Every structure is written in C-alpha cells, then in structure tokens.
Protein backbone atom coordinates (compact mmCIF):
# COMPACT_ATOMS: atom_id res chain seq x y z
CA UNK A 1 -3.22 -10.04 -28.41
CA UNK A 2 -2.72 -10.88 -24.74
CA UNK A 3 -1.37 -14.48 -24.94
CA UNK A 4 1.13 -16.45 -27.00
CA UNK A 5 -0.44 -18.38 -29.90
CA UNK A 6 0.86 -20.92 -32.43
CA UNK A 7 0.43 -19.36 -35.88
CA UNK A 8 -0.28 -21.53 -38.93
CA UNK A 9 -1.06 -18.96 -41.63
CA UNK A 10 1.29 -16.55 -43.36
CA UNK A 11 1.24 -12.91 -42.33
CA UNK A 12 0.55 -10.55 -45.21
CA UNK A 13 1.94 -6.99 -44.97
CA UNK A 14 0.94 -4.08 -47.19
CA UNK A 15 3.15 -0.98 -46.68
CA UNK A 16 2.95 2.52 -48.13
CA UNK A 17 5.28 5.49 -47.50
CA UNK A 18 7.06 4.14 -44.44
CA UNK A 19 10.78 4.86 -44.02
CA UNK A 20 12.25 4.51 -47.50
CA UNK A 21 9.42 2.34 -48.86
CA UNK A 22 7.03 3.72 -51.49
CA UNK A 23 4.82 0.65 -51.63
CA UNK A 24 5.35 -3.05 -51.06
CA UNK A 25 3.39 -6.26 -50.43
CA UNK A 26 5.14 -9.03 -48.47
CA UNK A 27 4.00 -12.45 -47.18
CA UNK A 28 5.88 -13.88 -44.19
CA UNK A 29 5.34 -17.59 -43.44
CA UNK A 30 5.28 -19.03 -39.90
CA UNK A 31 8.66 -19.66 -38.33
CA UNK A 32 11.94 -17.73 -38.58
CA UNK A 33 12.30 -15.33 -41.49
CA UNK A 34 15.66 -13.74 -42.42
CA UNK A 35 15.80 -10.52 -44.44
CA UNK A 36 18.92 -10.54 -46.64
CA UNK A 37 20.23 -8.06 -49.15
CA UNK A 38 22.61 -5.22 -49.76
CA UNK A 39 22.56 -1.91 -47.96
CA UNK A 40 19.84 0.58 -48.89
CA UNK A 41 17.33 -2.16 -49.72
CA UNK A 42 14.80 -0.93 -47.12
CA UNK A 43 15.13 -3.93 -44.83
CA UNK A 44 15.11 -1.69 -41.74
CA UNK A 45 12.16 0.28 -43.14
CA UNK A 46 10.24 -2.98 -43.58
CA UNK A 47 11.10 -4.03 -40.02
CA UNK A 48 9.77 -0.68 -38.79
CA UNK A 49 6.62 -1.32 -40.84
CA UNK A 50 6.17 -4.56 -38.90
CA UNK A 51 6.68 -2.56 -35.68
CA UNK A 52 3.98 -0.10 -36.79
CA UNK A 53 1.54 -2.96 -37.44
CA UNK A 54 2.28 -4.32 -33.97
CA UNK A 55 1.45 -0.92 -32.41
CA UNK A 56 4.82 0.82 -32.08
CA UNK A 57 5.11 4.55 -32.74
CA UNK A 58 8.86 4.46 -33.34
CA UNK A 59 8.23 4.69 -37.07
CA UNK A 60 8.71 7.55 -39.53
CA UNK A 61 7.05 8.53 -42.80
CA UNK A 62 8.84 8.60 -46.11
CA UNK A 63 10.60 11.94 -46.45
CA UNK A 64 8.42 13.26 -49.29
CA UNK A 65 5.10 11.82 -48.02
CA UNK A 66 2.42 13.39 -45.83
CA UNK A 67 0.75 10.13 -44.88
CA UNK A 68 1.38 6.41 -44.96
CA UNK A 69 -0.24 3.10 -44.16
CA UNK A 70 0.63 -0.34 -42.81
CA UNK A 71 -1.80 -3.25 -43.09
CA UNK A 72 -1.35 -6.71 -41.54
CA UNK A 73 -3.62 -9.63 -42.44
CA UNK A 74 -3.28 -12.67 -40.20
CA UNK A 75 -5.70 -15.55 -39.58
CA UNK A 76 -8.47 -13.80 -41.55
CA UNK A 77 -8.12 -10.69 -39.37
CA UNK A 78 -6.86 -7.37 -40.73
CA UNK A 79 -5.03 -4.78 -38.63
CA UNK A 80 -4.51 -1.40 -40.28
CA UNK A 81 -2.66 1.67 -38.99
CA UNK A 82 -2.30 5.01 -40.74
CA UNK A 83 0.53 7.52 -40.29
CA UNK A 84 -0.05 11.24 -40.81
CA UNK A 85 2.58 13.95 -40.65
CA UNK A 86 1.82 16.57 -37.99
CA UNK A 87 4.45 19.30 -37.82
CA UNK A 88 7.74 17.72 -36.77
CA UNK A 89 6.07 14.50 -35.67
CA UNK A 90 3.76 11.75 -36.87
CA UNK A 91 0.31 10.80 -35.58
CA UNK A 92 -1.02 7.23 -35.63
CA UNK A 93 -4.55 5.91 -36.00
CA UNK A 94 -6.15 2.51 -36.44
CA UNK A 95 -6.05 -0.92 -34.78
CA UNK A 96 -2.74 -2.57 -33.92
CA UNK A 97 -1.97 -6.23 -33.35
CA UNK A 98 -0.74 -5.64 -29.77
CA UNK A 99 -2.85 -4.04 -27.06
CA UNK A 100 0.23 -2.55 -25.37
CA UNK A 101 3.39 -2.32 -27.50
CA UNK A 102 5.66 -0.88 -24.80
CA UNK A 103 7.22 -4.23 -23.82
CA UNK A 104 7.70 -5.15 -27.48
CA UNK A 105 9.34 -1.75 -28.16
CA UNK A 106 11.79 -2.41 -25.36
CA UNK A 107 12.56 -6.10 -25.76
CA UNK A 108 11.35 -7.39 -29.15
CA UNK A 109 12.07 -4.67 -31.70
CA UNK A 110 15.85 -4.74 -31.35
CA UNK A 111 16.84 -2.27 -34.05
CA UNK A 112 19.91 -0.07 -33.67
CA UNK A 113 17.88 2.69 -31.95
CA UNK A 114 16.39 0.26 -29.41
CA UNK A 115 17.08 1.46 -25.86
CA UNK A 116 17.96 -2.00 -24.51
CA UNK A 117 20.28 -2.71 -27.43
CA UNK A 118 22.05 0.63 -27.08
CA UNK A 119 22.43 0.21 -23.32
CA UNK A 120 23.93 -3.25 -23.85
CA UNK A 121 26.24 -1.94 -26.57
CA UNK A 122 27.50 0.82 -24.27
CA UNK A 123 27.93 -1.65 -21.40
CA UNK A 124 25.36 0.19 -19.28
CA UNK A 125 23.00 -1.29 -16.73
CA UNK A 126 19.73 -2.58 -18.21
CA UNK A 127 17.76 -2.17 -15.00
CA UNK A 128 16.17 1.18 -15.90
CA UNK A 129 15.12 -0.15 -19.30
CA UNK A 130 13.75 -3.40 -17.89
CA UNK A 131 11.85 -1.64 -15.09
CA UNK A 132 10.37 1.06 -17.34
CA UNK A 133 7.04 -0.80 -17.94
CA UNK A 134 6.77 -1.72 -14.27
CA UNK A 135 4.72 0.48 -11.91
CA UNK A 136 7.36 0.50 -9.17
CA UNK A 137 5.48 3.03 -7.01
CA UNK A 138 2.37 0.84 -6.95
CA UNK A 139 4.44 -2.23 -6.06
CA UNK A 140 6.27 -0.37 -3.28
CA UNK A 141 2.99 0.98 -1.95
CA UNK A 142 1.51 -2.52 -1.87
CA UNK A 143 4.65 -3.85 -0.15
CA UNK A 144 4.38 -1.13 2.52
CA UNK A 145 0.70 -1.92 3.04
CA UNK A 146 1.40 -5.63 3.40
CA UNK A 147 4.31 -4.95 5.77
CA UNK A 148 2.08 -2.76 7.94
CA UNK A 149 -0.63 -5.44 7.92
CA UNK A 150 1.98 -8.05 8.81
CA UNK A 151 3.25 -5.80 11.62
CA UNK A 152 -0.28 -5.45 13.00
CA UNK A 153 -0.66 -9.24 12.95
CA UNK A 154 2.71 -9.65 14.70
CA UNK A 155 1.62 -7.17 17.38
CA UNK A 156 -1.65 -9.04 17.84
CA UNK A 157 0.17 -12.39 18.08
CA UNK A 158 2.62 -10.92 20.59
CA UNK A 159 -0.28 -9.67 22.70
CA UNK A 160 -1.94 -13.10 22.52
CA UNK A 161 1.30 -14.81 23.57
CA UNK A 162 1.66 -12.36 26.46
CA UNK A 163 -1.91 -13.04 27.57
CA UNK A 164 -1.38 -16.77 27.11
CA UNK A 165 1.48 -16.69 29.64
CA UNK A 166 -0.99 -15.28 32.17
CA UNK A 167 -3.40 -18.21 31.75
CA UNK A 168 -1.84 -20.48 34.40
CA UNK A 169 -1.98 -17.72 36.99
CA UNK A 170 -5.57 -16.85 36.04
CA UNK A 171 -6.65 -20.50 36.16
CA UNK A 172 -5.01 -20.84 39.57
CA UNK A 173 -6.85 -17.70 40.67
CA UNK A 174 -10.14 -19.14 39.39
CA UNK A 175 -9.55 -22.39 41.28
CA UNK A 176 -8.78 -20.48 44.48
CA UNK A 177 -11.94 -18.40 44.09
CA UNK A 178 -14.06 -21.51 43.58
CA UNK A 179 -12.55 -23.09 46.69
CA UNK A 180 -13.20 -19.95 48.76
CA UNK A 181 -16.78 -19.79 47.52
CA UNK A 182 -17.34 -23.41 48.52
CA UNK A 183 -15.83 -22.72 51.95
CA UNK A 184 -18.04 -19.66 52.46
CA UNK A 185 -21.12 -21.56 51.34
CA UNK A 186 -20.30 -24.33 53.79
CA UNK A 187 -19.91 -21.76 56.58
CA UNK A 188 -23.19 -20.14 55.56
CA UNK A 189 -24.97 -23.49 55.59
CA UNK A 190 -23.73 -24.13 59.13
CA UNK A 191 -24.87 -20.67 60.23
CA UNK A 192 -28.30 -21.18 58.69
CA UNK A 193 -28.61 -24.45 60.58
CA UNK A 194 -27.69 -22.62 63.82
CA UNK A 195 -30.18 -19.88 63.00
CA UNK A 196 -32.90 -22.48 62.43
CA UNK A 197 -32.06 -24.16 65.74
CA UNK A 198 -32.09 -20.82 67.58
CA UNK A 199 -35.37 -19.83 65.92
CA UNK A 200 -37.07 -22.99 67.12
CA UNK A 201 -35.95 -22.23 70.70
CA UNK A 202 -37.45 -18.74 70.56
CA UNK A 203 -41.23 -19.03 70.73
CA UNK A 204 -42.00 -15.57 71.91
CA UNK A 205 -41.45 -12.22 70.33
CA UNK A 206 -42.27 -13.51 66.85
CA UNK A 207 -43.54 -10.14 65.79
CA UNK A 208 -40.37 -8.41 66.97
CA UNK A 209 -38.29 -11.16 65.40
CA UNK A 210 -40.07 -10.74 62.05
CA UNK A 211 -39.50 -7.02 62.12
CA UNK A 212 -35.90 -7.54 63.14
CA UNK A 213 -35.31 -10.06 60.36
CA UNK A 214 -36.87 -7.65 57.86
CA UNK A 215 -34.50 -4.92 59.00
CA UNK A 216 -31.57 -7.31 58.88
CA UNK A 217 -32.50 -8.29 55.32
CA UNK A 218 -32.74 -4.64 54.37
CA UNK A 219 -29.42 -3.97 56.09
CA UNK A 220 -27.76 -6.82 54.21
CA UNK A 221 -29.11 -5.59 50.89
CA UNK A 222 -27.99 -2.03 51.59
CA UNK A 223 -24.53 -3.15 52.67
CA UNK A 224 -24.22 -5.24 49.49
CA UNK A 225 -25.20 -2.26 47.39
CA UNK A 226 -22.73 -0.06 49.31
CA UNK A 227 -19.89 -2.54 48.76
CA UNK A 228 -20.80 -2.75 45.08
CA UNK A 229 -20.54 1.04 44.84
CA UNK A 230 -17.14 0.93 46.55
CA UNK A 231 -15.91 -1.67 44.08
CA UNK A 232 -17.15 0.44 41.17
CA UNK A 233 -15.26 3.43 42.54
CA UNK A 234 -12.10 1.33 42.83
CA UNK A 235 -12.44 0.09 39.24
CA UNK A 236 -13.01 3.62 37.99
CA UNK A 237 -9.94 4.82 39.87
CA UNK A 238 -7.87 1.98 38.40
CA UNK A 239 -9.13 2.87 34.92
CA UNK A 240 -8.23 6.52 35.48
CA UNK A 241 -4.73 5.55 36.61
CA UNK A 242 -4.34 3.35 33.52
CA UNK A 243 -5.56 6.16 31.25
CA UNK A 244 -3.11 8.58 32.84
CA UNK A 245 -0.24 6.14 32.28
CA UNK A 246 -1.31 5.75 28.66
CA UNK A 247 -1.52 9.52 28.34
CA UNK A 248 2.03 9.87 29.66
CA UNK A 249 3.32 7.28 27.18
CA UNK A 250 1.56 9.03 24.30
CA UNK A 251 2.92 12.41 25.34
CA UNK A 252 6.43 10.90 25.36
CA UNK A 253 5.83 9.51 21.86
CA UNK A 254 4.52 12.89 20.75
CA UNK A 255 7.65 14.68 21.95
CA UNK A 256 9.79 12.37 19.80
CA UNK A 257 7.89 13.31 16.63
CA UNK A 258 8.96 16.47 14.75
CA UNK A 259 6.57 19.36 14.41
CA UNK A 260 6.71 19.68 10.64
CA UNK A 261 5.21 22.99 9.51
CA UNK A 262 2.83 22.94 6.56
CA UNK A 263 5.29 25.14 4.69
CA UNK A 264 7.86 22.32 4.69
CA UNK A 265 5.26 19.96 3.23
CA UNK A 266 4.42 22.50 0.53
CA UNK A 267 8.11 23.03 -0.28
CA UNK A 268 8.60 19.28 -0.62
CA UNK A 269 5.50 18.97 -2.80
CA UNK A 270 6.70 21.83 -4.99
CA UNK A 271 10.12 20.16 -5.35
CA UNK A 272 8.44 16.88 -6.36
CA UNK A 273 6.27 18.65 -8.93
CA UNK A 274 9.33 20.45 -10.30
CA UNK A 275 11.25 17.18 -10.63
CA UNK A 276 8.25 15.53 -12.29
CA UNK A 277 8.06 18.36 -14.80
CA UNK A 278 11.81 18.08 -15.40
CA UNK A 279 11.46 14.32 -15.88
CA UNK A 280 8.64 14.85 -18.36
CA UNK A 281 10.63 17.46 -20.28
CA UNK A 282 13.66 15.15 -20.44
CA UNK A 283 11.49 12.26 -21.64
CA UNK A 284 10.09 14.51 -24.37
CA UNK A 285 13.58 15.64 -25.39
CA UNK A 286 14.84 12.03 -25.47
CA UNK A 287 11.87 10.95 -27.58
CA UNK A 288 12.40 13.87 -29.96
CA UNK A 289 16.10 13.00 -30.26
CA UNK A 290 15.22 9.34 -30.87
CA UNK A 291 12.78 10.30 -33.64
CA UNK A 292 15.29 12.71 -35.18
CA UNK A 293 18.09 10.12 -35.11
CA UNK A 294 15.79 7.45 -36.51
CA UNK A 295 14.55 9.74 -39.29
CA UNK A 296 18.05 10.75 -40.40
CA UNK A 297 19.39 7.18 -40.21
CA UNK A 298 16.51 5.94 -42.32
CA UNK A 299 17.10 8.70 -44.90
CA UNK A 300 20.76 7.71 -45.07
CA UNK A 301 19.98 4.00 -45.20
CA UNK A 302 17.31 4.40 -47.88
CA UNK A 303 19.57 6.98 -49.66
CA UNK A 304 16.52 9.18 -49.90
CA UNK A 305 18.52 12.31 -50.83
CA UNK A 306 20.15 14.10 -53.77
CA UNK A 307 23.77 13.52 -54.72
CA UNK A 308 25.86 16.32 -56.18
CA UNK A 309 27.88 15.34 -59.24
CA UNK A 310 31.11 16.99 -60.18
CA UNK A 311 30.21 20.54 -60.98
CA UNK A 312 27.49 20.66 -58.34
CA UNK A 313 24.71 19.05 -60.46
CA UNK A 314 22.20 17.21 -58.28
CA UNK A 315 21.13 13.69 -59.19
CA UNK A 316 18.65 11.36 -57.54
CA UNK A 317 20.46 8.95 -55.26
CA UNK A 318 18.26 6.11 -56.37
CA UNK A 319 19.18 6.47 -60.12
CA UNK A 320 22.93 6.55 -60.49
CA UNK A 321 22.82 6.51 -64.31
CA UNK A 322 22.21 2.79 -64.45
CA UNK A 323 24.78 1.98 -61.78
CA UNK A 324 23.76 0.39 -58.52
CA UNK A 325 24.09 2.30 -55.24
CA UNK A 326 26.86 -0.10 -54.23
CA UNK A 327 28.77 0.65 -57.43
CA UNK A 328 28.42 4.37 -56.81
CA UNK A 329 29.73 4.00 -53.26
CA UNK A 330 32.70 1.92 -54.49
CA UNK A 331 33.47 4.48 -57.19
CA UNK A 332 33.77 7.30 -54.69
CA UNK A 333 35.24 7.46 -51.21
CA UNK A 334 32.87 10.23 -50.22
CA UNK A 335 29.61 11.78 -51.31
CA UNK A 336 28.39 15.32 -51.41
CA UNK A 337 24.67 15.40 -50.81
CA UNK A 338 21.94 17.99 -50.55
CA UNK A 339 20.98 18.33 -46.87
CA UNK A 340 17.28 17.56 -46.54
CA UNK A 341 17.05 19.90 -43.58
CA UNK A 342 18.71 23.11 -44.77
CA UNK A 343 19.14 22.47 -48.51
CA UNK A 344 22.89 23.12 -48.54
CA UNK A 345 25.50 20.73 -49.92
CA UNK A 346 27.31 18.74 -47.25
CA UNK A 347 29.47 15.66 -47.03
CA UNK A 348 27.65 12.46 -46.09
CA UNK A 349 30.25 11.97 -43.34
CA UNK A 350 29.23 15.33 -41.88
CA UNK A 351 25.62 14.14 -41.59
CA UNK A 352 26.78 10.89 -40.02
CA UNK A 353 28.93 12.88 -37.58
CA UNK A 354 25.92 15.01 -36.70
CA UNK A 355 23.89 11.87 -36.02
CA UNK A 356 26.64 10.61 -33.70
CA UNK A 357 26.58 13.92 -31.81
CA UNK A 358 22.82 13.59 -31.50
CA UNK A 359 23.29 10.09 -30.08
CA UNK A 360 25.82 11.42 -27.58
CA UNK A 361 23.40 14.18 -26.61
CA UNK A 362 20.66 11.59 -26.16
CA UNK A 363 22.96 9.55 -23.91
CA UNK A 364 23.65 12.65 -21.80
CA UNK A 365 19.92 13.33 -21.56
CA UNK A 366 19.27 9.72 -20.48
CA UNK A 367 21.92 10.05 -17.75
CA UNK A 368 20.40 13.36 -16.69
CA UNK A 369 16.97 11.70 -16.65
CA UNK A 370 18.27 8.91 -14.40
CA UNK A 371 19.62 11.53 -12.00
CA UNK A 372 16.28 13.34 -11.94
CA UNK A 373 14.47 10.04 -11.31
CA UNK A 374 16.80 9.27 -8.41
CA UNK A 375 16.28 12.72 -6.84
CA UNK A 376 12.54 12.42 -7.40
CA UNK A 377 12.41 9.08 -5.63
CA UNK A 378 14.42 10.55 -2.71
CA UNK A 379 11.97 13.45 -2.39
CA UNK A 380 8.98 11.13 -2.62
CA UNK A 381 10.50 8.96 0.12
CA UNK A 382 10.99 12.07 2.27
CA UNK A 383 7.39 13.02 1.59
CA UNK A 384 6.15 9.56 2.57
CA UNK A 385 8.18 9.65 5.80
CA UNK A 386 6.93 13.14 6.63
CA UNK A 387 3.34 12.15 5.88
CA UNK A 388 3.70 9.01 8.00
CA UNK A 389 5.06 10.97 10.96
CA UNK A 390 2.41 13.66 10.58
CA UNK A 391 -0.30 11.00 10.43
CA UNK A 392 1.12 9.32 13.53
CA UNK A 393 1.24 12.69 15.29
CA UNK A 394 -2.41 13.34 14.40
CA UNK A 395 -3.37 9.87 15.64
CA UNK A 396 -1.57 10.42 18.94
CA UNK A 397 -3.17 13.86 19.37
CA UNK A 398 -6.59 12.33 18.67
CA UNK A 399 -5.93 9.57 21.20
CA UNK A 400 -4.89 12.18 23.77
CA UNK A 401 -8.11 14.11 23.14
CA UNK A 402 -10.10 10.89 23.54
CA UNK A 403 -8.27 10.08 26.77
CA UNK A 404 -8.97 13.55 28.18
CA UNK A 405 -12.65 13.15 27.32
CA UNK A 406 -12.69 9.70 28.90
CA UNK A 407 -10.96 11.01 32.04
CA UNK A 408 -13.54 13.78 32.37
CA UNK A 409 -16.35 11.26 31.92
CA UNK A 410 -14.91 8.88 34.52
CA UNK A 411 -14.32 11.74 36.99
CA UNK A 412 -17.99 12.63 36.68
CA UNK A 413 -18.93 8.98 37.26
CA UNK A 414 -16.73 8.82 40.36
CA UNK A 415 -18.32 11.98 41.75
CA UNK A 416 -21.77 10.48 41.22
CA UNK A 417 -20.69 7.17 42.78
CA UNK A 418 -19.21 8.95 45.81
CA UNK A 419 -22.46 10.81 46.36
CA UNK A 420 -24.31 7.50 46.15
CA UNK A 421 -21.80 5.95 48.57
CA UNK A 422 -22.37 8.71 51.13
CA UNK A 423 -26.12 8.26 50.86
CA UNK A 424 -25.88 4.48 51.29
CA UNK A 425 -23.46 4.88 54.23
CA UNK A 426 -25.99 7.07 56.01
CA UNK A 427 -28.72 4.54 55.23
CA UNK A 428 -26.63 1.67 56.66
CA UNK A 429 -25.99 3.63 59.85
CA UNK A 430 -29.72 4.31 60.24
CA UNK A 431 -30.57 0.63 59.71
CA UNK A 432 -27.92 -0.47 62.21
CA UNK A 433 -29.42 1.90 64.77
CA UNK A 434 -32.90 0.46 64.14
CA UNK A 435 -31.58 -3.09 64.45
CA UNK A 436 -29.84 -2.26 67.72
CA UNK A 437 -33.04 -0.80 69.11
CA UNK A 438 -34.85 -4.05 68.29
CA UNK A 439 -32.18 -6.23 69.87
CA UNK A 440 -32.88 -7.85 73.22
CA UNK A 441 -31.13 -10.37 75.41
CA UNK A 442 -33.24 -13.14 73.91
CA UNK A 443 -32.29 -12.20 70.38
CA UNK A 444 -28.63 -11.32 70.85
CA UNK A 445 -27.39 -14.70 69.69
CA UNK A 446 -29.72 -14.96 66.72
CA UNK A 447 -28.96 -11.36 65.75
CA UNK A 448 -25.26 -12.13 65.85
CA UNK A 449 -25.84 -15.19 63.66
CA UNK A 450 -27.87 -13.15 61.17
CA UNK A 451 -25.17 -10.51 60.97
CA UNK A 452 -22.55 -13.16 60.40
CA UNK A 453 -24.73 -14.81 57.75
CA UNK A 454 -25.27 -11.45 56.04
CA UNK A 455 -21.54 -10.87 55.94
CA UNK A 456 -20.94 -14.34 54.50
CA UNK A 457 -23.55 -13.81 51.77
CA UNK A 458 -21.94 -10.53 50.88
CA UNK A 459 -18.50 -12.16 50.71
CA UNK A 460 -19.92 -14.94 48.52
CA UNK A 461 -21.45 -12.38 46.15
CA UNK A 462 -18.12 -10.54 45.97
CA UNK A 463 -16.18 -13.76 45.32
CA UNK A 464 -18.65 -14.85 42.63
CA UNK A 465 -18.26 -11.46 40.95
CA UNK A 466 -14.48 -11.90 40.97
CA UNK A 467 -14.90 -15.43 39.63
CA UNK A 468 -17.06 -14.21 36.76
CA UNK A 469 -14.45 -11.60 35.82
CA UNK A 470 -11.58 -14.10 35.92
CA UNK A 471 -13.58 -16.69 33.95
CA UNK A 472 -14.49 -14.10 31.33
CA UNK A 473 -10.83 -13.08 30.99
CA UNK A 474 -9.72 -16.72 30.65
CA UNK A 475 -12.35 -17.41 27.98
CA UNK A 476 -11.28 -14.29 26.09
CA UNK A 477 -7.61 -15.35 26.14
CA UNK A 478 -8.48 -18.91 25.10
CA UNK A 479 -10.51 -17.55 22.18
CA UNK A 480 -7.54 -15.39 21.15
CA UNK A 481 -5.22 -18.41 21.40
CA UNK A 482 -7.52 -20.37 19.08
CA UNK A 483 -7.53 -17.42 16.69
CA UNK A 484 -3.70 -17.24 16.71
CA UNK A 485 -3.39 -20.08 14.17
CA UNK A 486 -5.62 -18.17 11.76
CA UNK A 487 -3.49 -15.05 12.25
CA UNK A 488 -0.27 -17.01 11.61
CA UNK A 489 -1.76 -18.48 8.43
CA UNK A 490 -2.86 -15.01 7.34
CA UNK A 491 0.65 -13.69 8.08
CA UNK A 492 2.28 -16.50 6.07
CA UNK A 493 0.14 -15.56 3.08
CA UNK A 494 1.51 -12.01 3.28
CA UNK A 495 5.18 -13.10 3.18
C-alpha cells in the first residue's frame, strides 16, 4: 500500500501462535481503537500480530509453537503471513499489507522495544533513527554531481562575461578594419584609373605590355600566397606559445597534487571493507539482542512459564488454582519460576534484571555502531577525496600528453610551411627579375602603378581576412551571450 486511503470497512485479524496468543479472531472498526485490560492479557502480543500483518519481522512465535500465522482481511482483500521457527530465529513468508515496513517499524509501531521510543526515553538524538531509511550516500553523491554541474555552468558564465567585456574592443576593431578596407579600395580605384589613363597613352609595345602584365599578375598572386604562408606560420607560432603556457600551468597544477601510491588506495579500501563488516556484525548483534529482549519480555508479559509452589512443585502460570494472575501477584511479593532457557528455578526479578542488562548491552552496541558509522563515513570521504585527486591527476597527465602531441604536430606543420615559404620566396625573386627585364622607360610609370596596385590588393585581402576573423569572434561571443540566459536558468534549477 503506497498511499494513504480512507478506510470504511472493519479490519479482521486471525492470529495463531504469536507472542502469548494461542488463537484469536478480532475485528477492528475504522477510527481509533484502544486496547484495555489487565497485565498479561496479550495486548502487546496482539499489537505485534498487527505489525506482522503489516510486514514487520519484529515478531516472535509462541514459546511452545514451531509455526504461527497472522491473517488480515480488509476491503475484501486478504493478507496472510506465516511464521516458522528456524533455529534461534523466525522466518516469514506470505503477502504483507505494506510494501516496505521499515518506516512503519521505526515510526508507527511504537512498542517498548521500538528504537525511536527508546532513544526518546533515554534522551538521545533521534537523527540516526530518522535517517536510517534514507540513502544518505546516494543523496550526497547527487548533491556532489549537481554542485560540479553548477560549477561548470558558473565557469562557462564567467568565460562568457569575460568575452562579453571584449566585445566593445572587438567591434571597434571591426569598424577600423572596415574603414581601412574602404580607404584601400578607394586608393586602388584611383590607381586603376591612372593605369587605364597610362594604358591609353601607350600604343606601342602591346605585346611586351601584355607579357609584363601577365608577369605582374603572377607576381601579385605569388606574393599573396607567400604572405598567406607567413601569416599561417605566425598563427602556428602563437598557438605553440599558447600551448606551452598551458603546459606550464598544467605542470604547476600537477606538482600541487599528491602522488598517491596504489598501496594507499588499497589500504583505504581494506579499512572501508573492514568497517563495513564491523557495521554489519554490530547490526546483526543488535538485531539478535532486540529479538532476545522482545522474546523474553513477551514470555514475562504473557506469563508463559512455570511457577514453583512452596516445596518446589511447578504449576502452570496461566492456571493459578482458580485465582487470577493478578491475585497471584498480589498474594506474593516475588515469584520463583522455571527458566525457559536453562530449566533451573530462578526469581522473576532475576530474569527482569537479565533483560535490563541485555538492554544496556544493546545500548552499548548501538553507541559502538554509531562510532563505526562515523569512522566509515570519514574513510569513505578520504577515499572520495583521494579518487578525485587521482582522477584530476590523470586528466592533467592526459592533457599534457595531448599538448605534447599537438606541439609535435604543429612543429611539423611549421617546418612544412617554412619550406613552402622558401620556395615561394625564390619564385618571387625570379618573377621580379623577369619583370625588371621587361621594364623600359616607356613602361616605368605603368609598372610602378601596377606594383602599387598589387600591393594594395594584397593589403585589402589581408584586411578582409582580419575582418572575417574579428566578425567570426564577435558572432561567437554574441551567441554565447544569448545562451547565458539559458545557462542561468539551468543553474537556478540546480539550486
């Protein structure tokens, strides 16, 4: 039953051999029901029968029975659980009313042996009891994951804000580049007009002029390619310098991280496993003590034992020669009973004293368990920190390897570019020599104009390339700025 429901029908319970109950049939109507009666009337045993029907395993069999049964009929549905003795314990089978009875065991079934009730009675903190059903490790792990995700978003937002502050300077740079391009284009247009005027004045030597213009065009193209190679070399060198700076920063970060040997990790893991085993053993001991205390208290409450009359003759505690149990207790300040564990005759007070010692022992075990849990959590935290640092160290080492590979690759590219640059430089020198050989007094002016025009076209190409890079960077930053609102909303959802 996963949700709260309003019940309208009575709940019918059929109980056999539970606690001090041989057999009973009870109907409980909706609402609040109070169980009243004298001591030793099996009220606690009936309450434990209800717990068994709900799904609890904090229930014991009748002392002389090997099996028992609890059946609950509610709203035309029957829930039946059977109890079978197995050595010193009891096994449970069947369908219970609750899917998970742990919360009910802790906070609904408030009998004397209930952990929350005992902690409150002793004035102890209830936190450990309340948090027992909660998967704290899973919650902490999720919190760490969300904090890391939030940190990544904060880093991304910080980067976006940093880039955003560069926008005015980049936009100013873009405006300046556009203005320079317009100026160069205006200069080029004037030169082309001069070239056209000079060409109309030169009627002779058209063949030489055509050849010269072809060489000039080839020279301009080669110079443009050479300058492009030079710019590529500069960008590669800048990238290499940036990679080396990043490598230095990573090496500094790496020096700050400890070199944790694998043996330390194994020692920590072994310590955690040992503490887990100790925690499990203590839980088992506490559960065994709880069952033992519960069993003996129920035997005392149900008076399921033999009394020794004067002269050592044993009588059934439930008979009393016609007298009620209350009358027998009033008639005698103390009882001598047959111990159901060892068979010897002992005072009832001695059994009660033993139960109190068992309760004290259980309290000590609970305190010891809390200490083990605390040490276990400390070790697990140490393990998480060590794992985090080791993971960060591995990430840095991997980044350093990637940087070294990238540096090697870029060095190879620079070598290839330098070879290409040398080849193009030689080609430019050869073309310049050919152009000079074609120059004559008649063509000196037009040649000078062509050279100037070639230089202007090259400068325009270079400026347009710079403009494209700046524009691309501005658009990238603006896209990030637009995305910042989505990141802030995503971050707010993580808080």
